[in-house]
Amino acid sequence: MPSTCGSDAGPSAAQKDRHEDLLRSCLRAIDWIACIPNAVTMVPAFKTLLDRKVLVSNDSVGPMAHRYADVQRERKEADDA
């Protein structure tokens, strides 16, 4: 079985798609937790996760913020339907 570890070849398209699917699943889970009343204010570790990893990074909008906003928008559209 050939190994891609350490090779110059980057991730395959299937690996990239799988990675994107995993990220979206994680962000959907975070969004649902954030919908729980007082989850952000009552659980400091969750607020830290949102602030440092999802929403903001280095005093600017983090790379996950746009994806997270898309997930939130999709949930709101589904809720309205």
Protein backbone atom coordinates (compact mmCIF):
# COMPACT_ATOMS: atom_id res chain seq x y z
CA MET A 1 0.00 0.00 0.00
CA PRO A 2 1.55 3.33 -1.01
CA SER A 3 2.03 5.93 1.68
CA THR A 4 1.32 9.61 1.15
CA CYS A 5 2.95 10.61 4.45
CA GLY A 6 5.99 12.72 3.72
CA SER A 7 5.40 12.79 0.00
CA ASP A 8 5.30 15.97 -2.04
CA ALA A 9 1.77 15.22 -3.18
CA GLY A 10 -0.82 17.26 -1.35
CA PRO A 11 -4.09 15.91 -0.03
CA SER A 12 -6.42 14.38 -2.57
CA ALA A 13 -9.73 15.97 -3.49
CA ALA A 14 -11.53 13.29 -1.47
CA GLN A 15 -9.40 14.09 1.59
CA LYS A 16 -10.15 17.81 1.21
CA ASP A 17 -13.87 17.10 0.91
CA ARG A 18 -13.77 14.89 4.00
CA HIS A 19 -11.91 17.61 5.92
CA GLU A 20 -14.50 20.20 4.92
CA ASP A 21 -17.32 17.86 5.96
CA LEU A 22 -15.70 17.32 9.36
CA LEU A 23 -15.24 21.06 9.89
CA ARG A 24 -18.85 21.78 9.01
CA SER A 25 -20.05 19.03 11.36
CA CYS A 26 -17.99 20.48 14.19
CA LEU A 27 -19.27 23.98 13.50
CA ARG A 28 -22.88 22.72 13.41
CA ALA A 29 -22.36 21.10 16.82
CA ILE A 30 -20.87 24.32 18.19
CA ASP A 31 -23.81 26.27 16.80
CA TRP A 32 -26.33 23.95 18.46
CA ILE A 33 -24.53 24.21 21.79
CA ALA A 34 -24.51 28.00 21.45
CA CYS A 35 -28.31 27.87 21.08
CA ILE A 36 -28.66 26.44 24.59
CA PRO A 37 -29.75 29.27 26.88
CA ASN A 38 -26.78 30.73 28.78
CA ALA A 39 -24.33 28.20 27.30
CA VAL A 40 -21.89 30.91 26.28
CA THR A 41 -22.08 32.83 29.55
CA MET A 42 -22.26 29.87 31.95
CA VAL A 43 -19.46 27.74 30.44
CA PRO A 44 -16.23 29.74 30.26
CA ALA A 45 -14.42 27.04 28.28
CA PHE A 46 -17.09 27.18 25.57
CA LYS A 47 -16.83 30.97 25.38
CA THR A 48 -13.04 30.63 25.10
CA LEU A 49 -13.44 28.13 22.26
CA LEU A 50 -15.75 30.50 20.41
CA ASP A 51 -13.58 33.54 20.99
CA ARG A 52 -10.19 32.03 20.26
CA LYS A 53 -10.86 29.36 17.67
CA VAL A 54 -14.13 30.01 15.92
CA LEU A 55 -14.85 33.73 15.82
CA VAL A 56 -11.64 35.72 16.25
CA SER A 57 -7.95 35.09 15.73
CA ASN A 58 -5.17 37.64 16.29
CA ASP A 59 -7.52 40.64 16.61
CA SER A 60 -9.17 39.97 13.27
CA VAL A 61 -11.91 37.76 11.95
CA GLY A 62 -10.72 34.17 12.18
CA PRO A 63 -10.82 31.80 9.22
CA MET A 64 -13.63 29.80 10.82
CA ALA A 65 -15.82 32.85 11.38
CA HIS A 66 -17.12 32.91 7.82
CA ARG A 67 -17.81 29.18 7.85
CA TYR A 68 -19.52 29.49 11.23
CA ALA A 69 -21.70 32.34 9.93
CA ASP A 70 -22.72 30.13 6.99
CA VAL A 71 -23.69 27.33 9.38
CA GLN A 72 -25.71 29.76 11.52
CA ARG A 73 -27.46 31.14 8.45
CA GLU A 74 -28.33 27.64 7.22
CA ARG A 75 -29.78 26.71 10.63
CA LYS A 76 -31.87 29.89 10.74
CA GLU A 77 -33.18 29.25 7.23
CA ALA A 78 -34.08 25.68 8.22
CA ASP A 79 -35.80 26.93 11.37
CA ASP A 80 -37.84 29.43 9.33
CA ALA A 81 -38.92 26.81 6.79
